[in-house]
Protein backbone atom coordinates (compact mmCIF):
# COMPACT_ATOMS: atom_id res chain seq x y z
CA MET A 1 2.91 -74.96 -55.64
CA LYS A 2 0.95 -75.38 -52.40
CA LYS A 3 3.90 -73.94 -50.50
CA ILE A 4 3.94 -70.81 -52.67
CA PHE A 5 0.18 -70.35 -52.26
CA PHE A 6 0.51 -70.68 -48.46
CA LEU A 7 3.27 -68.04 -48.34
CA LEU A 8 1.20 -65.66 -50.49
CA MET A 9 -1.90 -65.95 -48.25
CA THR A 10 0.22 -65.47 -45.14
CA SER A 11 1.65 -62.22 -46.57
CA VAL A 12 -1.83 -60.88 -47.39
CA LEU A 13 -3.07 -61.68 -43.90
CA LEU A 14 -0.10 -59.95 -42.21
CA TYR A 15 -0.55 -56.85 -44.38
CA SER A 16 -4.23 -56.63 -43.42
CA VAL A 17 -3.47 -56.90 -39.68
CA ASN A 18 -0.72 -54.26 -39.87
CA ALA A 19 -3.02 -51.87 -41.75
CA GLN A 20 -5.73 -52.23 -39.11
CA ASN A 21 -3.22 -51.61 -36.33
CA ALA A 22 -1.91 -48.51 -38.07
CA PHE A 23 -5.46 -47.24 -38.53
CA GLY A 24 -6.25 -47.75 -34.85
CA GLN A 25 -3.03 -46.07 -33.70
CA SER A 26 -3.75 -43.11 -35.95
CA ASN A 27 -7.17 -42.66 -34.40
CA TRP A 28 -5.73 -42.95 -30.88
CA ILE A 29 -3.03 -40.38 -31.59
CA ALA A 30 -5.51 -37.97 -33.15
CA ASN A 31 -8.02 -38.35 -30.35
CA ALA A 32 -5.28 -37.85 -27.75
CA GLY A 33 -4.33 -34.58 -29.42
CA LEU A 34 -0.66 -35.52 -29.58
CA ILE A 35 -0.26 -34.54 -33.21
CA SER A 36 -2.18 -32.30 -35.52
CA GLN A 37 -5.49 -33.79 -36.67
CA GLY A 38 -4.93 -32.09 -39.99
CA ASN A 39 -1.81 -34.17 -40.62
CA LEU A 40 -3.90 -37.31 -40.26
CA ASN A 41 -6.76 -36.06 -42.41
CA ASP A 42 -5.11 -34.96 -45.61
CA ALA A 43 -6.37 -36.16 -48.96
CA ASN A 44 -4.29 -39.35 -48.74
CA SER A 45 -5.30 -40.37 -45.23
CA PRO A 46 -8.00 -42.96 -44.58
CA VAL A 47 -8.60 -41.60 -41.05
CA PRO A 48 -11.95 -39.77 -40.72
CA LYS A 49 -11.76 -36.23 -39.29
CA ASN A 50 -12.59 -35.88 -35.60
CA PRO A 51 -14.19 -32.44 -35.01
CA GLU A 52 -13.86 -32.88 -31.23
CA ALA A 53 -10.13 -33.49 -31.22
CA PRO A 54 -8.40 -31.24 -28.64
CA ALA A 55 -6.16 -28.34 -29.63
CA ILE A 56 -2.59 -29.17 -30.55
CA GLN A 57 -0.31 -29.34 -27.51
CA GLU A 58 3.41 -29.53 -28.02
CA ILE A 59 5.14 -31.99 -25.72
CA ASN A 60 7.74 -29.36 -24.82
CA ALA A 61 5.24 -26.43 -24.59
CA THR A 62 5.52 -23.90 -21.75
CA ALA A 63 3.03 -21.56 -20.06
CA THR A 64 3.87 -18.68 -17.70
CA CYS A 65 2.00 -18.06 -14.46
CA PHE A 66 1.04 -14.37 -14.69
CA CYS A 67 0.14 -12.44 -11.53
CA VAL A 68 -1.05 -8.82 -11.40
CA ILE A 69 -2.74 -6.42 -8.96
CA SER A 70 -5.63 -4.49 -10.51
CA TYR A 71 -8.43 -2.12 -9.51
CA ASN A 72 -10.56 -3.55 -12.33
CA ASP A 73 -12.37 -6.89 -12.06
CA LEU A 74 -10.34 -9.17 -14.34
CA THR A 75 -12.25 -12.35 -13.52
CA ASP A 76 -12.71 -14.38 -16.74
CA GLN A 77 -11.11 -11.59 -18.78
CA GLN A 78 -8.76 -12.49 -21.64
CA THR A 79 -6.78 -9.25 -21.37
CA ARG A 80 -5.77 -7.21 -18.36
CA SER A 81 -6.46 -3.58 -17.48
CA GLY A 82 -6.18 -1.28 -14.48
CA VAL A 83 -2.98 -3.00 -13.40
CA CYS A 84 -1.08 -1.13 -10.69
CA MET A 85 1.55 -3.79 -10.06
CA ASP A 86 2.79 -6.82 -12.00
CA ILE A 87 4.34 -9.41 -9.66
CA THR A 88 4.78 -12.18 -12.22
CA ASN A 89 8.54 -12.01 -11.59
CA ILE A 90 7.96 -12.62 -7.87
CA VAL A 91 5.83 -15.71 -8.56
CA HIS A 92 8.52 -16.77 -11.06
CA THR A 93 6.75 -19.93 -12.28
CA THR A 94 6.56 -21.52 -15.72
CA TYR A 95 4.78 -24.80 -16.48
CA SER A 96 5.90 -27.22 -19.19
CA GLY A 97 5.02 -30.58 -20.70
CA VAL A 98 1.75 -31.76 -22.22
CA PHE A 99 -1.19 -29.44 -21.43
CA PRO A 100 0.77 -26.85 -19.38
CA GLU A 101 -2.44 -24.78 -19.01
CA LYS A 102 -4.35 -27.60 -17.30
CA ASP A 103 -6.54 -26.94 -14.25
CA ASP A 104 -4.01 -28.28 -11.76
CA ASN A 105 -1.47 -25.72 -12.95
CA ARG A 106 -4.05 -22.93 -12.84
CA LYS A 107 -4.85 -23.81 -9.22
CA ASP A 108 -1.16 -23.89 -8.37
CA CYS A 109 -0.65 -20.52 -10.08
CA GLN A 110 -3.61 -19.08 -8.21
CA LYS A 111 -2.13 -20.10 -4.85
CA LYS A 112 1.34 -18.81 -5.68
CA CYS A 113 -0.09 -15.49 -6.88
CA SER A 114 -2.20 -15.12 -3.75
CA ASP A 115 0.78 -15.90 -1.51
CA ALA A 116 3.00 -13.40 -3.35
CA ALA A 117 0.34 -10.68 -3.12
CA TYR A 118 -0.26 -11.35 0.57
CA ASN A 119 3.45 -11.03 1.33
CA LEU A 120 3.93 -7.66 -0.37
CA SER A 121 5.49 -5.03 1.88
CA ALA A 122 3.57 -2.08 3.32
CA ALA A 123 5.45 0.22 0.94
CA GLN A 124 4.45 -1.91 -2.07
CA LYS A 125 0.80 -1.92 -0.99
CA GLN A 126 0.89 1.86 -0.58
CA ALA A 127 2.37 2.16 -4.07
CA ILE A 128 -0.63 0.20 -5.38
CA ALA A 129 -3.00 2.58 -3.58
CA ASP A 130 -1.15 5.64 -4.91
CA CYS A 131 -1.41 4.24 -8.44
CA ALA A 132 -5.18 3.77 -8.11
CA CYS A 133 -5.72 7.22 -6.59
CA ALA A 134 -3.66 8.85 -9.35
CA ALA A 135 -5.90 7.07 -11.90
CA GLY A 136 -8.97 8.61 -10.27
CA VAL A 137 -10.33 5.32 -8.95
CA GLY A 138 -13.28 5.94 -6.67
CA ASN A 139 -13.35 5.60 -2.92
CA GLY A 140 -14.49 2.12 -1.84
CA THR A 141 -13.21 0.26 -4.93
CA PRO A 142 -11.97 -3.28 -4.17
CA ILE A 143 -8.43 -4.08 -5.31
CA ARG A 144 -7.13 -7.62 -5.63
CA ALA A 145 -4.66 -9.94 -7.32
CA TYR A 146 -5.49 -11.90 -10.46
CA SER A 147 -3.63 -14.80 -12.09
CA ALA A 148 -3.61 -16.46 -15.50
CA VAL A 149 -1.67 -19.37 -16.98
CA GLY A 150 -0.50 -18.91 -20.55
CA VAL A 151 -3.39 -17.66 -22.66
CA LYS A 152 -6.10 -18.80 -20.25
CA ARG A 153 -8.50 -16.24 -18.78
CA TYR A 154 -7.71 -14.44 -15.54
CA GLN A 155 -9.00 -15.78 -12.23
CA SER A 156 -9.57 -13.95 -8.97
CA ASP A 157 -6.94 -14.37 -6.25
CA GLN A 158 -5.89 -12.59 -3.04
CA ALA A 159 -7.89 -9.50 -2.01
CA MET A 160 -5.58 -6.55 -1.34
CA GLY A 161 -8.23 -4.43 0.36
CA THR A 162 -10.65 -1.59 -0.34
CA LEU A 163 -9.32 1.70 -1.67
CA VAL A 164 -9.75 4.75 0.54
CA ASN A 165 -9.51 7.79 -1.72
CA THR A 166 -10.83 10.98 -0.11
CA PRO A 167 -9.75 14.53 -1.02
CA ALA A 168 -8.31 16.99 1.48
CA VAL A 169 -10.81 19.18 3.31
CA VAL A 170 -9.64 22.80 3.36
CA GLN A 171 -11.03 26.07 4.64
CA THR A 172 -10.10 29.40 3.10
CA THR A 173 -10.62 32.61 5.09
CA CYS A 174 -10.27 36.05 3.49
CA ARG A 175 -9.95 39.24 5.54
CA CYS A 176 -9.95 42.81 4.23
CA PRO A 177 -7.14 45.20 5.11
CA VAL A 178 -7.85 47.95 7.65
CA GLY A 179 -9.61 50.89 5.99
CA TRP A 180 -11.57 48.58 3.68
CA LEU A 181 -14.98 47.14 4.43
CA ALA A 182 -15.76 43.46 4.00
CA ASN A 183 -18.22 43.25 1.14
CA THR A 184 -20.46 40.74 2.91
CA SER A 185 -20.47 42.22 6.42
CA ASN A 186 -19.54 45.94 6.01
CA ILE A 187 -17.00 45.51 8.82
CA ASP A 188 -13.76 47.48 8.52
CA GLY A 189 -10.95 44.94 8.17
CA GLY A 190 -13.48 42.11 8.60
CA VAL A 191 -13.81 38.65 7.07
CA THR A 192 -15.35 38.67 3.60
CA THR A 193 -16.93 35.43 2.44
CA ASP A 194 -17.00 36.41 -1.24
CA GLY A 195 -13.37 37.55 -1.26
CA LYS A 196 -14.25 41.18 -2.02
CA CYS A 197 -13.41 44.37 -0.11
CA LYS A 198 -14.83 47.84 -0.79
CA LYS A 199 -14.25 51.51 0.03
CA LEU A 200 -16.40 54.61 -0.40
CA VAL A 201 -14.92 56.83 -3.11
CA CYS A 202 -17.36 59.71 -3.31
CA GLY A 203 -20.91 60.80 -2.65
CA PRO A 204 -23.49 62.03 -2.64
CA ILE A 205 -23.75 62.13 -6.42
CA ALA A 206 -25.41 65.35 -7.58
CA VAL A 207 -27.30 63.71 -10.43
CA ALA A 208 -29.94 61.01 -10.13
CA PRO A 209 -28.02 57.82 -9.28
CA PRO A 210 -28.49 54.53 -11.10
CA ALA A 211 -29.95 51.46 -9.41
CA ASP A 212 -28.10 50.10 -6.38
CA GLY A 213 -25.34 47.68 -7.31
CA THR A 214 -24.79 49.04 -10.80
CA GLN A 215 -21.32 47.80 -11.77
CA VAL A 216 -18.74 50.26 -13.00
CA GLY A 217 -16.71 47.84 -15.08
CA SER A 218 -14.60 45.74 -12.70
CA TRP A 219 -13.51 48.84 -10.85
CA GLY A 220 -16.49 49.35 -8.52
CA PHE A 221 -20.20 49.91 -8.20
CA THR A 222 -22.85 52.41 -7.17
CA TRP A 223 -24.98 52.24 -4.06
CA GLY A 224 -27.56 54.85 -3.21
CA ASN A 225 -26.07 58.13 -4.36
CA SER A 226 -22.48 56.99 -3.66
CA LEU A 227 -19.67 55.44 -5.68
CA TRP A 228 -17.71 52.56 -4.21
CA ALA A 229 -14.44 50.96 -5.33
CA TYR A 230 -13.54 47.27 -5.09
CA GLY A 231 -10.23 46.47 -3.43
CA SER A 232 -7.42 45.19 -5.66
CA ALA A 233 -3.69 44.61 -5.50
CA ALA A 234 -3.24 47.88 -7.43
CA ASN A 235 -5.14 50.06 -4.93
CA GLY A 236 -4.10 48.14 -1.80
CA GLY A 237 -7.55 46.84 -1.00
CA ALA A 238 -7.19 43.18 -2.02
CA ALA A 239 -8.39 40.68 0.57
CA LEU A 240 -5.72 38.70 2.40
CA CYS A 241 -6.60 35.00 2.19
CA ARG A 242 -5.31 32.05 4.17
CA THR A 243 -6.11 28.38 3.52
CA LEU A 244 -6.09 25.86 6.35
CA VAL A 245 -6.16 22.08 5.85
CA ILE A 246 -8.93 20.74 8.08
CA SER A 247 -8.23 17.14 7.14
CA PRO A 248 -5.56 15.87 4.72
CA LYS A 249 -6.09 13.81 1.58
CA VAL A 250 -6.26 10.09 2.30
CA CYS A 251 -5.10 7.40 -0.14
CA LYS A 252 -4.62 3.89 1.23
CA LEU A 253 -5.83 0.31 1.24
CA GLN A 254 -7.87 -0.92 4.17
């Protein structure tokens, strides 16, 4: 009888120790974030819920190192915009294991992205500038590389330079054909700064003339007691214009 009682008490003691060990392991696993806290905190679980438990991380999870060149400031942004070149395929890096988005991987991604951006060819850098200019990005805008690991926010990497985006400077000169006066200088065959040429049609007008400069439709105008015609392609008096490029359009990174 004593032997049976001893065996019974031994069994109870072993059960209690095993239960405590299981409880402790459950807490350790939950706090380590190795399995879902929710699985340990269902209605049948004795483990109290830990609101500070880290997000679930799969042991075989992966996170890509993204690397882009943008004219927008993507620092701490969740999504990207203003991207003129995506060089993620050049960086060609994916992290795996527990916590693939950890800080060490983000630093490594940042360095690899910066190195890849720095080593872009002159033609690739010009393509980035052309993209920004075509988007209407203003002169003096900084352009740089940005990296992100998985779903983490973007961080600032290698500076690509400052965008130079200046329009072409042109000068247009219009000259009237011989026999037509320049509207702004009254010189026969001279340069007209408003693009108009004129010729006396008739005068003096026998009746009281209207005020100087009275327009006669688009055809001409009156001046004093005379009637003048504007030059046009139809009457052979259109100004001959020539445009010279004083300085070309500039679009580059410097």
